[in-house]
PDB file of N, CA and C in Angstrom:
ATOM      1  N   MET A   1     139.634 -24.066 -68.724  1.00  0.00           N
ATOM      2  CA  MET A   1     140.138 -23.147 -69.738  1.00  0.00           C
ATOM      3  C   MET A   1     139.132 -23.107 -70.893  1.00  0.00           C
ATOM      4  N   ILE A   2     138.796 -21.919 -71.332  1.00  0.00           N
ATOM      5  CA  ILE A   2     137.897 -21.698 -72.462  1.00  0.00           C
ATOM      6  C   ILE A   2     138.726 -21.059 -73.576  1.00  0.00           C
ATOM      7  N   GLU A   3     138.489 -21.482 -74.811  1.00  0.00           N
ATOM      8  CA  GLU A   3     139.248 -20.940 -75.941  1.00  0.00           C
ATOM      9  C   GLU A   3     138.300 -20.346 -76.974  1.00  0.00           C
ATOM     10  N   ALA A   4     138.605 -19.117 -77.383  1.00  0.00           N
ATOM     11  CA  ALA A   4     137.902 -18.451 -78.474  1.00  0.00           C
ATOM     12  C   ALA A   4     138.853 -18.436 -79.671  1.00  0.00           C
ATOM     13  N   VAL A   5     138.321 -18.757 -80.848  1.00  0.00           N
ATOM     14  CA  VAL A   5     139.144 -18.822 -82.053  1.00  0.00           C
ATOM     15  C   VAL A   5     138.403 -18.115 -83.185  1.00  0.00           C
ATOM     16  N   CYS A   6     139.101 -17.241 -83.897  1.00  0.00           N
ATOM     17  CA  CYS A   6     138.469 -16.604 -85.053  1.00  0.00           C
ATOM     18  C   CYS A   6     138.193 -17.678 -86.119  1.00  0.00           C
ATOM     19  N   HIS A   7     137.467 -17.315 -87.154  1.00  0.00           N
ATOM     20  CA  HIS A   7     137.043 -18.288 -88.163  1.00  0.00           C
ATOM     21  C   HIS A   7     138.209 -19.004 -88.832  1.00  0.00           C
ATOM     22  N   CYS A   8     139.265 -18.279 -89.150  1.00  0.00           N
ATOM     23  CA  CYS A   8     140.392 -18.889 -89.868  1.00  0.00           C
ATOM     24  C   CYS A   8     141.448 -19.485 -88.942  1.00  0.00           C
ATOM     25  N   GLY A   9     141.342 -19.229 -87.634  1.00  0.00           N
ATOM     26  CA  GLY A   9     142.289 -19.783 -86.678  1.00  0.00           C
ATOM     27  C   GLY A   9     143.535 -18.941 -86.449  1.00  0.00           C
ATOM     28  N   SER A  10     143.619 -17.770 -87.039  1.00  0.00           N
ATOM     29  CA  SER A  10     144.807 -16.925 -86.860  1.00  0.00           C
ATOM     30  C   SER A  10     144.900 -16.318 -85.462  1.00  0.00           C
ATOM     31  N   ILE A  11     143.752 -16.160 -84.802  1.00  0.00           N
ATOM     32  CA  ILE A  11     143.726 -15.577 -83.456  1.00  0.00           C
ATOM     33  C   ILE A  11     143.055 -16.569 -82.514  1.00  0.00           C
ATOM     34  N   LYS A  12     143.767 -16.883 -81.424  1.00  0.00           N
ATOM     35  CA  LYS A  12     143.229 -17.747 -80.378  1.00  0.00           C
ATOM     36  C   LYS A  12     143.340 -17.003 -79.062  1.00  0.00           C
ATOM     37  N   ILE A  13     142.268 -17.065 -78.285  1.00  0.00           N
ATOM     38  CA  ILE A  13     142.244 -16.386 -76.998  1.00  0.00           C
ATOM     39  C   ILE A  13     141.868 -17.408 -75.940  1.00  0.00           C
ATOM     40  N   GLU A  14     142.673 -17.494 -74.890  1.00  0.00           N
ATOM     41  CA  GLU A  14     142.412 -18.411 -73.778  1.00  0.00           C
ATOM     42  C   GLU A  14     141.955 -17.623 -72.571  1.00  0.00           C
ATOM     43  N   MET A  15     140.811 -18.037 -72.018  1.00  0.00           N
ATOM     44  CA  MET A  15     140.257 -17.429 -70.810  1.00  0.00           C
ATOM     45  C   MET A  15     140.292 -18.472 -69.712  1.00  0.00           C
ATOM     46  N   PRO A  16     140.420 -18.040 -68.452  1.00  0.00           N
ATOM     47  CA  PRO A  16     140.594 -18.989 -67.353  1.00  0.00           C
ATOM     48  C   PRO A  16     139.363 -19.840 -67.052  1.00  0.00           C
ATOM     49  N   ALA A  17     138.173 -19.330 -67.350  1.00  0.00           N
ATOM     50  CA  ALA A  17     136.959 -20.060 -66.978  1.00  0.00           C
ATOM     51  C   ALA A  17     135.778 -19.580 -67.811  1.00  0.00           C
ATOM     52  N   LYS A  18     134.743 -20.385 -67.813  1.00  0.00           N
ATOM     53  CA  LYS A  18     133.486 -20.031 -68.454  1.00  0.00           C
ATOM     54  C   LYS A  18     132.884 -18.846 -67.680  1.00  0.00           C
ATOM     55  N   PRO A  19     132.375 -17.838 -68.389  1.00  0.00           N
ATOM     56  CA  PRO A  19     131.776 -16.706 -67.683  1.00  0.00           C
ATOM     57  C   PRO A  19     130.423 -17.087 -67.080  1.00  0.00           C
ATOM     58  N   ASP A  20     130.041 -16.390 -66.016  1.00  0.00           N
ATOM     59  CA  ASP A  20     128.713 -16.587 -65.435  1.00  0.00           C
ATOM     60  C   ASP A  20     127.640 -15.987 -66.334  1.00  0.00           C
ATOM     61  N   ALA A  21     128.005 -14.885 -67.007  1.00  0.00           N
ATOM     62  CA  ALA A  21     127.071 -14.189 -67.887  1.00  0.00           C
ATOM     63  C   ALA A  21     127.858 -13.507 -68.995  1.00  0.00           C
ATOM     64  N   VAL A  22     127.169 -13.226 -70.098  1.00  0.00           N
ATOM     65  CA  VAL A  22     127.740 -12.454 -71.193  1.00  0.00           C
ATOM     66  C   VAL A  22     126.807 -11.277 -71.467  1.00  0.00           C
ATOM     67  N   THR A  23     127.345 -10.255 -72.119  1.00  0.00           N
ATOM     68  CA  THR A  23     126.570  -9.042 -72.368  1.00  0.00           C
ATOM     69  C   THR A  23     126.278  -8.879 -73.850  1.00  0.00           C
ATOM     70  N   ASP A  24     125.000  -8.685 -74.142  1.00  0.00           N
ATOM     71  CA  ASP A  24     124.525  -8.344 -75.486  1.00  0.00           C
ATOM     72  C   ASP A  24     124.185  -6.860 -75.426  1.00  0.00           C
ATOM     73  N   CYS A  25     125.054  -6.031 -75.990  1.00  0.00           N
ATOM     74  CA  CYS A  25     124.918  -4.572 -75.926  1.00  0.00           C
ATOM     75  C   CYS A  25     124.317  -4.058 -77.229  1.00  0.00           C
ATOM     76  N   ASN A  26     123.461  -3.042 -77.131  1.00  0.00           N
ATOM     77  CA  ASN A  26     122.847  -2.474 -78.328  1.00  0.00           C
ATOM     78  C   ASN A  26     123.441  -1.125 -78.723  1.00  0.00           C
ATOM     79  N   CYS A  27     124.648  -0.815 -78.233  1.00  0.00           N
ATOM     80  CA  CYS A  27     125.276   0.442 -78.656  1.00  0.00           C
ATOM     81  C   CYS A  27     125.569   0.361 -80.155  1.00  0.00           C
ATOM     82  N   SER A  28     125.927   1.470 -80.735  1.00  0.00           N
ATOM     83  CA  SER A  28     126.073   1.531 -82.186  1.00  0.00           C
ATOM     84  C   SER A  28     127.122   0.568 -82.742  1.00  0.00           C
ATOM     85  N   ILE A  29     128.191   0.314 -82.008  1.00  0.00           N
ATOM     86  CA  ILE A  29     129.221  -0.584 -82.529  1.00  0.00           C
ATOM     87  C   ILE A  29     128.903  -2.044 -82.231  1.00  0.00           C
ATOM     88  N   CYS A  30     128.468  -2.343 -81.005  1.00  0.00           N
ATOM     89  CA  CYS A  30     128.214  -3.741 -80.632  1.00  0.00           C
ATOM     90  C   CYS A  30     127.073  -4.352 -81.432  1.00  0.00           C
ATOM     91  N   ARG A  31     126.011  -3.583 -81.700  1.00  0.00           N
ATOM     92  CA  ARG A  31     124.914  -4.159 -82.472  1.00  0.00           C
ATOM     93  C   ARG A  31     125.338  -4.417 -83.910  1.00  0.00           C
ATOM     94  N   ARG A  32     126.237  -3.622 -84.434  1.00  0.00           N
ATOM     95  CA  ARG A  32     126.733  -3.867 -85.794  1.00  0.00           C
ATOM     96  C   ARG A  32     127.683  -5.071 -85.817  1.00  0.00           C
ATOM     97  N   TYR A  33     128.508  -5.194 -84.774  1.00  0.00           N
ATOM     98  CA  TYR A  33     129.431  -6.322 -84.700  1.00  0.00           C
ATOM     99  C   TYR A  33     128.709  -7.632 -84.403  1.00  0.00           C
ATOM    100  N   GLY A  34     127.566  -7.568 -83.718  1.00  0.00           N
ATOM    101  CA  GLY A  34     126.836  -8.782 -83.365  1.00  0.00           C
ATOM    102  C   GLY A  34     127.554  -9.610 -82.308  1.00  0.00           C
ATOM    103  N   THR A  35     128.191  -8.941 -81.377  1.00  0.00           N
ATOM    104  CA  THR A  35     129.017  -9.611 -80.374  1.00  0.00           C
ATOM    105  C   THR A  35     128.239  -9.982 -79.122  1.00  0.00           C
ATOM    106  N   LEU A  36     128.800 -10.910 -78.387  1.00  0.00           N
ATOM    107  CA  LEU A  36     128.400 -11.211 -77.010  1.00  0.00           C
ATOM    108  C   LEU A  36     129.683 -11.112 -76.198  1.00  0.00           C
ATOM    109  N   TRP A  37     129.730 -10.181 -75.266  1.00  0.00           N
ATOM    110  CA  TRP A  37     130.960  -9.909 -74.537  1.00  0.00           C
ATOM    111  C   TRP A  37     131.008 -10.633 -73.204  1.00  0.00           C
ATOM    112  N   ALA A  38     132.124 -11.290 -72.963  1.00  0.00           N
ATOM    113  CA  ALA A  38     132.461 -11.826 -71.643  1.00  0.00           C
ATOM    114  C   ALA A  38     133.617 -10.975 -71.135  1.00  0.00           C
ATOM    115  N   TYR A  39     133.600 -10.648 -69.855  1.00  0.00           N
ATOM    116  CA  TYR A  39     134.607  -9.759 -69.282  1.00  0.00           C
ATOM    117  C   TYR A  39     135.535 -10.527 -68.357  1.00  0.00           C
ATOM    118  N   TYR A  40     136.809 -10.239 -68.499  1.00  0.00           N
ATOM    119  CA  TYR A  40     137.845 -10.890 -67.702  1.00  0.00           C
ATOM    120  C   TYR A  40     138.900  -9.862 -67.308  1.00  0.00           C
ATOM    121  N   PRO A  41     139.619 -10.092 -66.202  1.00  0.00           N
ATOM    122  CA  PRO A  41     140.806  -9.270 -65.942  1.00  0.00           C
ATOM    123  C   PRO A  41     141.780  -9.494 -67.110  1.00  0.00           C
ATOM    124  N   ALA A  42     142.245  -8.424 -67.692  1.00  0.00           N
ATOM    125  CA  ALA A  42     143.111  -8.542 -68.871  1.00  0.00           C
ATOM    126  C   ALA A  42     144.341  -9.405 -68.605  1.00  0.00           C
ATOM    127  N   ALA A  43     144.876  -9.341 -67.408  1.00  0.00           N
ATOM    128  CA  ALA A  43     146.078 -10.116 -67.078  1.00  0.00           C
ATOM    129  C   ALA A  43     145.813 -11.622 -67.058  1.00  0.00           C
ATOM    130  N   ASP A  44     144.551 -12.036 -66.981  1.00  0.00           N
ATOM    131  CA  ASP A  44     144.203 -13.463 -66.930  1.00  0.00           C
ATOM    132  C   ASP A  44     143.942 -14.079 -68.302  1.00  0.00           C
ATOM    133  N   VAL A  45     143.992 -13.278 -69.349  1.00  0.00           N
ATOM    134  CA  VAL A  45     143.661 -13.737 -70.701  1.00  0.00           C
ATOM    135  C   VAL A  45     144.928 -13.833 -71.537  1.00  0.00           C
ATOM    136  N   ARG A  46     145.034 -14.903 -72.296  1.00  0.00           N
ATOM    137  CA  ARG A  46     146.186 -15.107 -73.190  1.00  0.00           C
ATOM    138  C   ARG A  46     145.724 -15.002 -74.630  1.00  0.00           C
ATOM    139  N   ILE A  47     146.392 -14.129 -75.397  1.00  0.00           N
ATOM    140  CA  ILE A  47     146.070 -13.950 -76.816  1.00  0.00           C
ATOM    141  C   ILE A  47     147.220 -14.500 -77.627  1.00  0.00           C
ATOM    142  N   HIS A  48     146.905 -15.430 -78.516  1.00  0.00           N
ATOM    143  CA  HIS A  48     147.894 -16.045 -79.394  1.00  0.00           C
ATOM    144  C   HIS A  48     147.586 -15.620 -80.821  1.00  0.00           C
ATOM    145  N   ALA A  49     148.421 -14.736 -81.345  1.00  0.00           N
ATOM    146  CA  ALA A  49     148.224 -14.243 -82.708  1.00  0.00           C
ATOM    147  C   ALA A  49     149.509 -13.592 -83.200  1.00  0.00           C
ATOM    148  N   ARG A  50     149.749 -13.720 -84.461  1.00  0.00           N
ATOM    149  CA  ARG A  50     150.845 -12.962 -85.058  1.00  0.00           C
ATOM    150  C   ARG A  50     150.440 -11.483 -85.044  1.00  0.00           C
ATOM    151  N   PRO A  51     151.329 -10.571 -84.703  1.00  0.00           N
ATOM    152  CA  PRO A  51     150.957  -9.153 -84.661  1.00  0.00           C
ATOM    153  C   PRO A  51     150.321  -8.671 -85.966  1.00  0.00           C
ATOM    154  N   GLU A  52     150.781  -9.198 -87.079  1.00  0.00           N
ATOM    155  CA  GLU A  52     150.231  -8.765 -88.370  1.00  0.00           C
ATOM    156  C   GLU A  52     148.843  -9.338 -88.642  1.00  0.00           C
ATOM    157  N   ALA A  53     148.368 -10.266 -87.821  1.00  0.00           N
ATOM    158  CA  ALA A  53     147.025 -10.833 -87.988  1.00  0.00           C
ATOM    159  C   ALA A  53     145.953  -9.963 -87.340  1.00  0.00           C
ATOM    160  N   LEU A  54     146.362  -9.030 -86.482  1.00  0.00           N
ATOM    161  CA  LEU A  54     145.413  -8.203 -85.740  1.00  0.00           C
ATOM    162  C   LEU A  54     145.232  -6.831 -86.373  1.00  0.00           C
ATOM    163  N   SER A  55     143.995  -6.394 -86.395  1.00  0.00           N
ATOM    164  CA  SER A  55     143.662  -5.041 -86.826  1.00  0.00           C
ATOM    165  C   SER A  55     142.840  -4.412 -85.707  1.00  0.00           C
ATOM    166  N   THR A  56     143.012  -3.110 -85.474  1.00  0.00           N
ATOM    167  CA  THR A  56     142.263  -2.454 -84.402  1.00  0.00           C
ATOM    168  C   THR A  56     141.401  -1.331 -84.956  1.00  0.00           C
ATOM    169  N   TYR A  57     140.364  -1.047 -84.184  1.00  0.00           N
ATOM    170  CA  TYR A  57     139.476   0.072 -84.490  1.00  0.00           C
ATOM    171  C   TYR A  57     139.112   0.744 -83.181  1.00  0.00           C
ATOM    172  N   SER A  58     139.186   2.050 -83.163  1.00  0.00           N
ATOM    173  CA  SER A  58     138.827   2.826 -81.984  1.00  0.00           C
ATOM    174  C   SER A  58     137.950   3.979 -82.444  1.00  0.00           C
ATOM    175  N   TRP A  59     136.946   4.309 -81.665  1.00  0.00           N
ATOM    176  CA  TRP A  59     136.019   5.368 -82.065  1.00  0.00           C
ATOM    177  C   TRP A  59     135.568   6.154 -80.842  1.00  0.00           C
ATOM    178  N   GLY A  60     134.793   7.177 -81.058  1.00  0.00           N
ATOM    179  CA  GLY A  60     134.230   7.957 -79.955  1.00  0.00           C
ATOM    180  C   GLY A  60     135.308   8.557 -79.076  1.00  0.00           C
ATOM    181  N   ASP A  61     135.270   8.217 -77.791  1.00  0.00           N
ATOM    182  CA  ASP A  61     136.250   8.780 -76.854  1.00  0.00           C
ATOM    183  C   ASP A  61     137.600   8.077 -76.927  1.00  0.00           C
ATOM    184  N   ARG A  62     137.716   7.093 -77.774  1.00  0.00           N
ATOM    185  CA  ARG A  62     138.960   6.364 -78.045  1.00  0.00           C
ATOM    186  C   ARG A  62     139.572   5.746 -76.787  1.00  0.00           C
ATOM    187  N   ARG A  63     138.727   5.221 -75.922  1.00  0.00           N
ATOM    188  CA  ARG A  63     139.214   4.531 -74.721  1.00  0.00           C
ATOM    189  C   ARG A  63     139.424   3.040 -74.962  1.00  0.00           C
ATOM    190  N   LEU A  64     138.749   2.497 -75.980  1.00  0.00           N
ATOM    191  CA  LEU A  64     138.842   1.069 -76.262  1.00  0.00           C
ATOM    192  C   LEU A  64     139.358   0.826 -77.666  1.00  0.00           C
ATOM    193  N   ASN A  65     140.170  -0.211 -77.807  1.00  0.00           N
ATOM    194  CA  ASN A  65     140.548  -0.725 -79.118  1.00  0.00           C
ATOM    195  C   ASN A  65     139.779  -2.021 -79.341  1.00  0.00           C
ATOM    196  N   PHE A  66     139.038  -2.091 -80.428  1.00  0.00           N
ATOM    197  CA  PHE A  66     138.368  -3.318 -80.824  1.00  0.00           C
ATOM    198  C   PHE A  66     139.292  -4.043 -81.786  1.00  0.00           C
ATOM    199  N   PHE A  67     139.499  -5.336 -81.551  1.00  0.00           N
ATOM    200  CA  PHE A  67     140.423  -6.122 -82.368  1.00  0.00           C
ATOM    201  C   PHE A  67     139.643  -7.073 -83.262  1.00  0.00           C
ATOM    202  N   ARG A  68     140.155  -7.227 -84.480  1.00  0.00           N
ATOM    203  CA  ARG A  68     139.583  -8.190 -85.418  1.00  0.00           C
ATOM    204  C   ARG A  68     140.722  -8.885 -86.142  1.00  0.00           C
ATOM    205  N   CYS A  69     140.387 -10.010 -86.735  1.00  0.00           N
ATOM    206  CA  CYS A  69     141.362 -10.744 -87.537  1.00  0.00           C
ATOM    207  C   CYS A  69     141.444 -10.105 -88.918  1.00  0.00           C
ATOM    208  N   LYS A  70     142.646  -9.806 -89.365  1.00  0.00           N
ATOM    209  CA  LYS A  70     142.828  -9.228 -90.697  1.00  0.00           C
ATOM    210  C   LYS A  70     142.505 -10.227 -91.804  1.00  0.00           C
ATOM    211  N   ASP A  71     142.586 -11.516 -91.491  1.00  0.00           N
ATOM    212  CA  ASP A  71     142.342 -12.529 -92.520  1.00  0.00           C
ATOM    213  C   ASP A  71     140.859 -12.814 -92.713  1.00  0.00           C
ATOM    214  N   CYS A  72     140.138 -13.134 -91.625  1.00  0.00           N
ATOM    215  CA  CYS A  72     138.728 -13.537 -91.763  1.00  0.00           C
ATOM    216  C   CYS A  72     137.745 -12.471 -91.308  1.00  0.00           C
ATOM    217  N   GLY A  73     138.213 -11.437 -90.629  1.00  0.00           N
ATOM    218  CA  GLY A  73     137.355 -10.325 -90.238  1.00  0.00           C
ATOM    219  C   GLY A  73     136.623 -10.479 -88.920  1.00  0.00           C
ATOM    220  N   CYS A  74     136.768 -11.598 -88.222  1.00  0.00           N
ATOM    221  CA  CYS A  74     136.044 -11.803 -86.957  1.00  0.00           C
ATOM    222  C   CYS A  74     136.500 -10.823 -85.885  1.00  0.00           C
ATOM    223  N   ILE A  75     135.517 -10.233 -85.195  1.00  0.00           N
ATOM    224  CA  ILE A  75     135.807  -9.391 -84.032  1.00  0.00           C
ATOM    225  C   ILE A  75     136.134 -10.342 -82.896  1.00  0.00           C
ATOM    226  N   THR A  76     137.290 -10.177 -82.276  1.00  0.00           N
ATOM    227  CA  THR A  76     137.732 -11.131 -81.254  1.00  0.00           C
ATOM    228  C   THR A  76     137.685 -10.590 -79.831  1.00  0.00           C
ATOM    229  N   HIS A  77     138.055  -9.316 -79.637  1.00  0.00           N
ATOM    230  CA  HIS A  77     138.119  -8.785 -78.285  1.00  0.00           C
ATOM    231  C   HIS A  77     138.288  -7.276 -78.307  1.00  0.00           C
ATOM    232  N   TRP A  78     138.171  -6.696 -77.119  1.00  0.00           N
ATOM    233  CA  TRP A  78     138.520  -5.289 -76.946  1.00  0.00           C
ATOM    234  C   TRP A  78     139.407  -5.148 -75.721  1.00  0.00           C
ATOM    235  N   MET A  79     140.232  -4.106 -75.768  1.00  0.00           N
ATOM    236  CA  MET A  79     141.121  -3.791 -74.640  1.00  0.00           C
ATOM    237  C   MET A  79     141.181  -2.273 -74.499  1.00  0.00           C
ATOM    238  N   ALA A  80     141.493  -1.827 -73.294  1.00  0.00           N
ATOM    239  CA  ALA A  80     141.662  -0.399 -73.056  1.00  0.00           C
ATOM    240  C   ALA A  80     142.844   0.121 -73.864  1.00  0.00           C
ATOM    241  N   VAL A  81     142.733   1.337 -74.359  1.00  0.00           N
ATOM    242  CA  VAL A  81     143.827   1.965 -75.102  1.00  0.00           C
ATOM    243  C   VAL A  81     144.979   2.262 -74.151  1.00  0.00           C
ATOM    244  N   GLU A  82     144.669   2.869 -73.000  1.00  0.00           N
ATOM    245  CA  GLU A  82     145.695   3.156 -71.997  1.00  0.00           C
ATOM    246  C   GLU A  82     145.782   1.980 -71.036  1.00  0.00           C
ATOM    247  N   ASN A  83     146.973   1.541 -70.743  1.00  0.00           N
ATOM    248  CA  ASN A  83     147.203   0.411 -69.835  1.00  0.00           C
ATOM    249  C   ASN A  83     146.356  -0.805 -70.200  1.00  0.00           C
ATOM    250  N   PRO A  84     146.538  -1.363 -71.384  1.00  0.00           N
ATOM    251  CA  PRO A  84     145.669  -2.447 -71.840  1.00  0.00           C
ATOM    252  C   PRO A  84     145.677  -3.692 -70.974  1.00  0.00           C
ATOM    253  N   LEU A  85     146.718  -3.927 -70.211  1.00  0.00           N
ATOM    254  CA  LEU A  85     146.750  -5.122 -69.368  1.00  0.00           C
ATOM    255  C   LEU A  85     146.248  -4.858 -67.951  1.00  0.00           C
ATOM    256  N   ALA A  86     145.851  -3.619 -67.678  1.00  0.00           N
ATOM    257  CA  ALA A  86     145.274  -3.290 -66.374  1.00  0.00           C
ATOM    258  C   ALA A  86     143.758  -3.266 -66.522  1.00  0.00           C
ATOM    259  N   GLY A  87     143.057  -3.696 -65.522  1.00  0.00           N
ATOM    260  CA  GLY A  87     141.601  -3.663 -65.588  1.00  0.00           C
ATOM    261  C   GLY A  87     141.030  -4.808 -66.393  1.00  0.00           C
ATOM    262  N   LYS A  88     139.825  -4.595 -66.908  1.00  0.00           N
ATOM    263  CA  LYS A  88     139.154  -5.681 -67.620  1.00  0.00           C
ATOM    264  C   LYS A  88     139.248  -5.518 -69.126  1.00  0.00           C
ATOM    265  N   MET A  89     138.932  -6.601 -69.791  1.00  0.00           N
ATOM    266  CA  MET A  89     138.839  -6.603 -71.244  1.00  0.00           C
ATOM    267  C   MET A  89     137.610  -7.406 -71.622  1.00  0.00           C
ATOM    268  N   GLY A  90     137.156  -7.251 -72.846  1.00  0.00           N
ATOM    269  CA  GLY A  90     136.020  -8.009 -73.342  1.00  0.00           C
ATOM    270  C   GLY A  90     136.464  -9.001 -74.388  1.00  0.00           C
ATOM    271  N   VAL A  91     135.935 -10.217 -74.308  1.00  0.00           N
ATOM    272  CA  VAL A  91     136.212 -11.260 -75.299  1.00  0.00           C
ATOM    273  C   VAL A  91     134.891 -11.607 -75.967  1.00  0.00           C
ATOM    274  N   ASN A  92     134.898 -11.643 -77.288  1.00  0.00           N
ATOM    275  CA  ASN A  92     133.694 -11.972 -78.044  1.00  0.00           C
ATOM    276  C   ASN A  92     133.440 -13.479 -77.964  1.00  0.00           C
ATOM    277  N   ILE A  93     132.460 -13.840 -77.176  1.00  0.00           N
ATOM    278  CA  ILE A  93     132.155 -15.244 -76.931  1.00  0.00           C
ATOM    279  C   ILE A  93     131.516 -15.911 -78.150  1.00  0.00           C
ATOM    280  N   ARG A  94     131.143 -15.146 -79.157  1.00  0.00           N
ATOM    281  CA  ARG A  94     130.654 -15.743 -80.410  1.00  0.00           C
ATOM    282  C   ARG A  94     131.740 -16.591 -81.074  1.00  0.00           C
ATOM    283  N   ASN A  95     132.998 -16.405 -80.668  1.00  0.00           N
ATOM    284  CA  ASN A  95     134.104 -17.178 -81.215  1.00  0.00           C
ATOM    285  C   ASN A  95     134.417 -18.432 -80.403  1.00  0.00           C
ATOM    286  N   VAL A  96     133.571 -18.763 -79.446  1.00  0.00           N
ATOM    287  CA  VAL A  96     133.728 -19.961 -78.618  1.00  0.00           C
ATOM    288  C   VAL A  96     132.725 -20.999 -79.100  1.00  0.00           C
ATOM    289  N   ASP A  97     133.102 -22.259 -79.050  1.00  0.00           N
ATOM    290  CA  ASP A  97     132.189 -23.342 -79.400  1.00  0.00           C
ATOM    291  C   ASP A  97     130.910 -23.195 -78.565  1.00  0.00           C
ATOM    292  N   PRO A  98     129.741 -23.095 -79.203  1.00  0.00           N
ATOM    293  CA  PRO A  98     128.490 -22.890 -78.466  1.00  0.00           C
ATOM    294  C   PRO A  98     128.212 -23.960 -77.403  1.00  0.00           C
ATOM    295  N   GLU A  99     128.698 -25.175 -77.607  1.00  0.00           N
ATOM    296  CA  GLU A  99     128.500 -26.229 -76.609  1.00  0.00           C
ATOM    297  C   GLU A  99     129.131 -25.854 -75.269  1.00  0.00           C
ATOM    298  N   GLN A 100     130.243 -25.125 -75.327  1.00  0.00           N
ATOM    299  CA  GLN A 100     130.931 -24.715 -74.101  1.00  0.00           C
ATOM    300  C   GLN A 100     130.198 -23.586 -73.373  1.00  0.00           C
ATOM    301  N   MET A 101     129.296 -22.910 -74.062  1.00  0.00           N
ATOM    302  CA  MET A 101     128.600 -21.774 -73.469  1.00  0.00           C
ATOM    303  C   MET A 101     127.170 -22.106 -73.044  1.00  0.00           C
ATOM    304  N   LYS A 102     126.787 -23.358 -73.138  1.00  0.00           N
ATOM    305  CA  LYS A 102     125.437 -23.740 -72.716  1.00  0.00           C
ATOM    306  C   LYS A 102     125.221 -23.356 -71.258  1.00  0.00           C
ATOM    307  N   GLY A 103     124.064 -22.755 -71.011  1.00  0.00           N
ATOM    308  CA  GLY A 103     123.708 -22.378 -69.656  1.00  0.00           C
ATOM    309  C   GLY A 103     124.216 -21.017 -69.212  1.00  0.00           C
ATOM    310  N   VAL A 104     125.008 -20.352 -70.025  1.00  0.00           N
ATOM    311  CA  VAL A 104     125.513 -19.028 -69.654  1.00  0.00           C
ATOM    312  C   VAL A 104     124.409 -17.996 -69.882  1.00  0.00           C
ATOM    313  N   ARG A 105     124.167 -17.194 -68.883  1.00  0.00           N
ATOM    314  CA  ARG A 105     123.124 -16.164 -68.957  1.00  0.00           C
ATOM    315  C   ARG A 105     123.533 -15.062 -69.932  1.00  0.00           C
ATOM    316  N   ILE A 106     122.595 -14.611 -70.753  1.00  0.00           N
ATOM    317  CA  ILE A 106     122.820 -13.475 -71.646  1.00  0.00           C
ATOM    318  C   ILE A 106     122.104 -12.270 -71.051  1.00  0.00           C
ATOM    319  N   ARG A 107     122.891 -11.240 -70.718  1.00  0.00           N
ATOM    320  CA  ARG A 107     122.334 -10.000 -70.174  1.00  0.00           C
ATOM    321  C   ARG A 107     122.234  -8.977 -71.300  1.00  0.00           C
ATOM    322  N   HIS A 108     121.165  -8.229 -71.317  1.00  0.00           N
ATOM    323  CA  HIS A 108     120.923  -7.228 -72.362  1.00  0.00           C
ATOM    324  C   HIS A 108     121.191  -5.839 -71.806  1.00  0.00           C
ATOM    325  N   LEU A 109     122.185  -5.175 -72.396  1.00  0.00           N
ATOM    326  CA  LEU A 109     122.608  -3.850 -71.942  1.00  0.00           C
ATOM    327  C   LEU A 109     122.117  -2.790 -72.924  1.00  0.00           C
ATOM    328  N   ASP A 110     121.471  -1.773 -72.406  1.00  0.00           N
ATOM    329  CA  ASP A 110     121.048  -0.644 -73.238  1.00  0.00           C
ATOM    330  C   ASP A 110     122.201   0.344 -73.341  1.00  0.00           C
ATOM    331  N   GLY A 111     123.184  -0.012 -74.169  1.00  0.00           N
ATOM    332  CA  GLY A 111     124.336   0.853 -74.384  1.00  0.00           C
ATOM    333  C   GLY A 111     124.028   2.009 -75.335  1.00  0.00           C
ATOM    334  N   ALA A 112     122.856   1.973 -75.962  1.00  0.00           N
ATOM    335  CA  ALA A 112     122.470   3.042 -76.887  1.00  0.00           C
ATOM    336  C   ALA A 112     121.939   4.276 -76.149  1.00  0.00           C
ATOM    337  N   LEU A 113     121.273   4.054 -75.005  1.00  0.00           N
ATOM    338  CA  LEU A 113     120.654   5.184 -74.310  1.00  0.00           C
ATOM    339  C   LEU A 113     121.026   5.282 -72.836  1.00  0.00           C
ATOM    340  N   SER A 114     120.610   4.314 -72.042  1.00  0.00           N
ATOM    341  CA  SER A 114     120.694   4.470 -70.584  1.00  0.00           C
ATOM    342  C   SER A 114     121.925   3.853 -69.935  1.00  0.00           C
ATOM    343  N   TRP A 115     122.625   2.986 -70.605  1.00  0.00           N
ATOM    344  CA  TRP A 115     123.754   2.237 -70.057  1.00  0.00           C
ATOM    345  C   TRP A 115     123.311   1.418 -68.831  1.00  0.00           C
ATOM    346  N   LYS A 116     122.069   0.931 -68.865  1.00  0.00           N
ATOM    347  CA  LYS A 116     121.544   0.078 -67.808  1.00  0.00           C
ATOM    348  C   LYS A 116     121.161  -1.260 -68.407  1.00  0.00           C
ATOM    349  N   PHE A 117     121.252  -2.296 -67.576  1.00  0.00           N
ATOM    350  CA  PHE A 117     120.815  -3.614 -68.016  1.00  0.00           C
ATOM    351  C   PHE A 117     119.292  -3.626 -68.088  1.00  0.00           C
ATOM    352  N   LEU A 118     118.752  -4.270 -69.113  1.00  0.00           N
ATOM    353  CA  LEU A 118     117.319  -4.314 -69.340  1.00  0.00           C
ATOM    354  C   LEU A 118     116.674  -5.539 -68.707  1.00  0.00           C
ATOM    355  N   ASP A 119     117.464  -6.399 -68.094  1.00  0.00           N
ATOM    356  CA  ASP A 119     116.929  -7.602 -67.471  1.00  0.00           C
ATOM    357  C   ASP A 119     117.264  -7.647 -65.990  1.00  0.00           C
TER     358      ASP A 119
END
């Protein structure tokens, strides 16, 4: 079990296992957020947070909701707007203890132009 926690501890996310790889995307939102995304089936992830601790942001085609902590501002995860528990979701691995992520490959995604991995 891997746990991601925002800075103030208001949001905790439990994932079933360490990811094989994480994605560093350079699209307009991800590069501003400074995230590293790990992807999991949404049904396999547990989010522990008071509803009032979460804030969402959606942009562009409005297919994804990006979640952040209202208290400390950390970006924690994203989920699909429609059927959020179906399919995959992204968890910001920057909120995981770095010791737990040693050895995880970082893949670089050109989300700004080609939507292809650069490595």
